[in-house]
């Protein structure tokens, strides 16, 4: 079991999981912009681990299977559990907000489970918005809101994450990401991290 740690893509995935845990801890401590930075690190790891795996032609088949499962669990924490915690922490106590948090968690699990079973279509599309895009979109919203000097953006996060969750399980097809765009995604994440760091 520990031998799985000797696999570079799996190490990257576990690093991303650790970033998600730190993001959750930062959220609980009220450091919301900082938590989003760590969540972006987690999403970056999700992009990089698959990219690295495609270049490892001699990777053992069982490592591919372990990696796929690790990746799914890591995505669950970064793109479903983390947003759920954010909603609980930034929203006032109410039944509606608790329902929103549960909805985000449940749709995240459903989206990942559906993808694990059905995967992509033959022409490379997936059903619903990929769950990892939620954090990428939220980072842009928070950064733009700050630039426009909009107040209390975090109080609107619950509604935004619910909208993303609906998109995750909606019946439309979304192009699956190509490894070729990984550098562009990482550049976007770096820019978002810089902007968010300026807000901390």
Protein backbone atom coordinates (compact mmCIF):
# COMPACT_ATOMS: atom_id res chain seq x y z
CA UNK A 1 0.00 0.00 0.00
CA UNK A 2 2.77 2.45 0.93
CA UNK A 3 4.42 1.63 -2.40
CA UNK A 4 1.78 3.83 -4.04
CA UNK A 5 3.69 6.78 -2.59
CA UNK A 6 6.63 5.89 -4.80
CA UNK A 7 4.60 6.98 -7.82
CA UNK A 8 5.09 10.62 -8.87
CA UNK A 9 1.51 11.32 -10.05
CA UNK A 10 0.15 9.86 -6.80
CA UNK A 11 2.54 12.03 -4.78
CA UNK A 12 1.24 15.09 -6.65
CA UNK A 13 -2.36 14.02 -5.98
CA UNK A 14 -1.70 13.60 -2.26
CA UNK A 15 0.01 16.99 -2.19
CA UNK A 16 -3.17 18.45 -3.65
CA UNK A 17 -5.21 16.69 -0.97
CA UNK A 18 -3.00 18.25 1.71
CA UNK A 19 -3.58 21.68 0.11
CA UNK A 20 -7.33 21.06 0.32
CA UNK A 21 -7.05 20.22 4.01
CA UNK A 22 -5.13 23.44 4.63
CA UNK A 23 -7.76 25.34 2.62
CA UNK A 24 -10.48 23.94 4.88
CA UNK A 25 -8.51 24.83 8.01
CA UNK A 26 -7.92 28.36 6.69
CA UNK A 27 -11.64 28.72 6.03
CA UNK A 28 -12.52 27.66 9.56
CA UNK A 29 -10.07 30.27 10.85
CA UNK A 30 -11.76 32.96 8.75
CA UNK A 31 -8.95 33.43 6.23
CA UNK A 32 -11.13 33.07 3.16
CA UNK A 33 -8.87 34.50 0.45
CA UNK A 34 -5.95 32.45 1.75
CA UNK A 35 -8.13 29.34 1.75
CA UNK A 36 -8.99 29.94 -1.89
CA UNK A 37 -5.28 30.14 -2.73
CA UNK A 38 -4.69 26.73 -1.16
CA UNK A 39 -7.74 25.37 -2.98
CA UNK A 40 -6.22 26.62 -6.23
CA UNK A 41 -3.01 24.77 -5.38
CA UNK A 42 -5.13 21.65 -4.98
CA UNK A 43 -6.77 22.17 -8.37
CA UNK A 44 -3.37 22.79 -9.95
CA UNK A 45 -2.20 19.47 -8.53
CA UNK A 46 -5.25 17.81 -10.09
CA UNK A 47 -4.24 19.10 -13.51
CA UNK A 48 -0.57 18.29 -13.11
CA UNK A 49 -0.92 14.72 -11.81
CA UNK A 50 -2.86 13.59 -14.87
CA UNK A 51 -0.49 15.45 -17.17
CA UNK A 52 2.52 13.74 -15.60
CA UNK A 53 0.77 10.36 -15.74
CA UNK A 54 0.27 10.65 -19.51
CA UNK A 55 4.03 10.98 -19.96
CA UNK A 56 4.85 7.93 -17.84
CA UNK A 57 4.58 5.22 -20.48
CA UNK A 58 6.05 2.56 -18.20
CA UNK A 59 3.69 3.25 -15.30
CA UNK A 60 2.30 0.04 -13.82
CA UNK A 61 -1.40 -0.60 -14.59
CA UNK A 62 -2.27 -0.95 -10.90
CA UNK A 63 -0.74 2.47 -10.26
CA UNK A 64 -3.09 3.91 -12.87
CA UNK A 65 -6.06 2.42 -11.03
CA UNK A 66 -4.85 3.61 -7.63
CA UNK A 67 -4.15 7.04 -9.08
CA UNK A 68 -7.63 7.31 -10.58
CA UNK A 69 -9.23 6.55 -7.22
CA UNK A 70 -6.91 8.91 -5.34
CA UNK A 71 -7.68 11.61 -7.87
CA UNK A 72 -11.42 11.19 -7.41
CA UNK A 73 -11.21 11.41 -3.62
CA UNK A 74 -8.90 14.42 -3.82
CA UNK A 75 -11.36 16.14 -6.19
CA UNK A 76 -14.17 15.45 -3.74
CA UNK A 77 -12.31 17.26 -0.95
CA UNK A 78 -11.10 20.22 -3.03
CA UNK A 79 -14.21 20.85 -5.10
CA UNK A 80 -17.11 19.65 -2.92
CA UNK A 81 -16.13 19.42 0.75
CA UNK A 82 -14.09 22.63 0.71
CA UNK A 83 -16.91 24.68 -0.88
CA UNK A 84 -19.36 23.13 1.58
CA UNK A 85 -17.19 24.28 4.50
CA UNK A 86 -16.89 27.75 2.97
CA UNK A 87 -20.67 28.04 2.70
CA UNK A 88 -21.14 26.98 6.33
CA UNK A 89 -18.48 29.39 7.60
CA UNK A 90 -19.40 32.52 5.63
CA UNK A 91 -23.19 32.19 5.81
CA UNK A 92 -25.46 32.97 8.76
CA UNK A 93 -26.99 30.03 10.58
CA UNK A 94 -30.15 29.04 8.76
CA UNK A 95 -31.83 25.92 7.47
CA UNK A 96 -31.52 27.24 3.91
CA UNK A 97 -27.75 27.63 4.15
CA UNK A 98 -27.35 24.18 5.68
CA UNK A 99 -29.43 22.73 2.85
CA UNK A 100 -27.21 24.58 0.37
CA UNK A 101 -24.11 23.08 1.98
CA UNK A 102 -25.56 19.57 1.84
CA UNK A 103 -26.64 20.12 -1.76
CA UNK A 104 -23.10 21.12 -2.75
CA UNK A 105 -21.62 18.03 -1.09
CA UNK A 106 -24.20 15.66 -2.57
CA UNK A 107 -23.94 16.99 -6.11
CA UNK A 108 -20.16 16.79 -5.88
CA UNK A 109 -20.29 13.13 -4.91
CA UNK A 110 -22.89 12.42 -7.61
CA UNK A 111 -20.85 14.21 -10.30
CA UNK A 112 -17.65 12.32 -9.46
CA UNK A 113 -19.42 8.96 -9.15
CA UNK A 114 -21.14 9.44 -12.50
CA UNK A 115 -17.86 10.31 -14.19
CA UNK A 116 -16.08 7.34 -12.60
CA UNK A 117 -18.69 5.01 -14.11
CA UNK A 118 -19.35 6.59 -17.50
CA UNK A 119 -16.25 8.70 -18.17
CA UNK A 120 -16.15 10.79 -21.32
CA UNK A 121 -18.03 10.25 -24.57
CA UNK A 122 -16.16 8.89 -27.62
CA UNK A 123 -15.78 12.44 -28.91
CA UNK A 124 -14.18 13.59 -25.64
CA UNK A 125 -17.04 15.30 -23.81
CA UNK A 126 -18.31 14.90 -20.25
CA UNK A 127 -21.80 15.38 -18.88
CA UNK A 128 -22.09 18.50 -16.73
CA UNK A 129 -19.51 21.07 -15.71
CA UNK A 130 -16.35 19.34 -14.39
CA UNK A 131 -16.27 19.79 -10.64
CA UNK A 132 -12.71 21.14 -10.53
CA UNK A 133 -13.89 24.18 -12.51
CA UNK A 134 -15.89 25.40 -9.51
CA UNK A 135 -12.84 26.66 -7.62
CA UNK A 136 -11.33 28.16 -10.78
CA UNK A 137 -14.51 30.13 -11.41
CA UNK A 138 -14.90 31.20 -7.79
CA UNK A 139 -11.35 32.57 -7.74
CA UNK A 140 -12.14 34.74 -10.75
CA UNK A 141 -15.38 35.97 -9.16
CA UNK A 142 -13.69 36.93 -5.89
CA UNK A 143 -10.76 38.63 -7.65
CA UNK A 144 -13.07 40.56 -10.00
CA UNK A 145 -15.37 41.59 -7.16
CA UNK A 146 -12.40 42.97 -5.25
CA UNK A 147 -11.15 44.85 -8.32
CA UNK A 148 -14.62 46.37 -8.76
CA UNK A 149 -14.66 47.16 -5.03
CA UNK A 150 -17.83 45.14 -4.48
CA UNK A 151 -18.60 44.69 -0.82
CA UNK A 152 -19.46 41.49 1.04
CA UNK A 153 -18.66 39.14 -1.84
CA UNK A 154 -18.19 36.23 0.55
CA UNK A 155 -21.78 36.60 1.73
CA UNK A 156 -22.86 35.72 -1.81
CA UNK A 157 -20.62 32.68 -2.07
CA UNK A 158 -23.33 30.23 -1.02
CA UNK A 159 -25.54 31.20 -3.95
CA UNK A 160 -22.64 31.06 -6.39
CA UNK A 161 -21.48 27.63 -5.25
CA UNK A 162 -25.05 26.33 -5.51
CA UNK A 163 -25.17 27.58 -9.11
CA UNK A 164 -21.89 25.79 -9.85
CA UNK A 165 -23.23 22.63 -8.20
CA UNK A 166 -26.32 22.73 -10.41
CA UNK A 167 -24.07 23.08 -13.46
CA UNK A 168 -22.04 20.07 -12.29
CA UNK A 169 -25.05 17.78 -12.61
CA UNK A 170 -26.85 19.50 -15.49
CA UNK A 171 -27.63 17.57 -18.70
CA UNK A 172 -25.27 19.37 -21.04
CA UNK A 173 -21.98 18.17 -22.47
CA UNK A 174 -18.72 19.95 -21.73
CA UNK A 175 -15.46 19.39 -23.63
CA UNK A 176 -13.03 17.31 -21.62
CA UNK A 177 -9.78 19.11 -20.85
CA UNK A 178 -6.82 18.43 -23.10
CA UNK A 179 -3.33 18.02 -21.60
CA UNK A 180 -2.22 20.68 -24.07
CA UNK A 181 -3.96 23.42 -22.08
CA UNK A 182 -2.32 22.52 -18.75
CA UNK A 183 0.33 25.31 -19.04
CA UNK A 184 -2.41 27.89 -19.71
CA UNK A 185 -4.46 26.66 -16.75
CA UNK A 186 -1.43 26.80 -14.46
CA UNK A 187 -0.71 30.34 -15.66
CA UNK A 188 -4.30 31.31 -14.86
CA UNK A 189 -4.03 29.74 -11.40
CA UNK A 190 -0.76 31.59 -10.75
CA UNK A 191 -2.40 34.89 -11.72
CA UNK A 192 -5.41 34.21 -9.48
CA UNK A 193 -3.16 33.28 -6.56
CA UNK A 194 -1.24 36.54 -6.98
CA UNK A 195 -4.43 38.61 -7.03
CA UNK A 196 -5.90 36.78 -4.05
CA UNK A 197 -2.66 37.12 -2.10
CA UNK A 198 -2.95 40.88 -2.52
CA UNK A 199 -6.30 40.66 -0.73
CA UNK A 200 -4.99 38.78 2.32
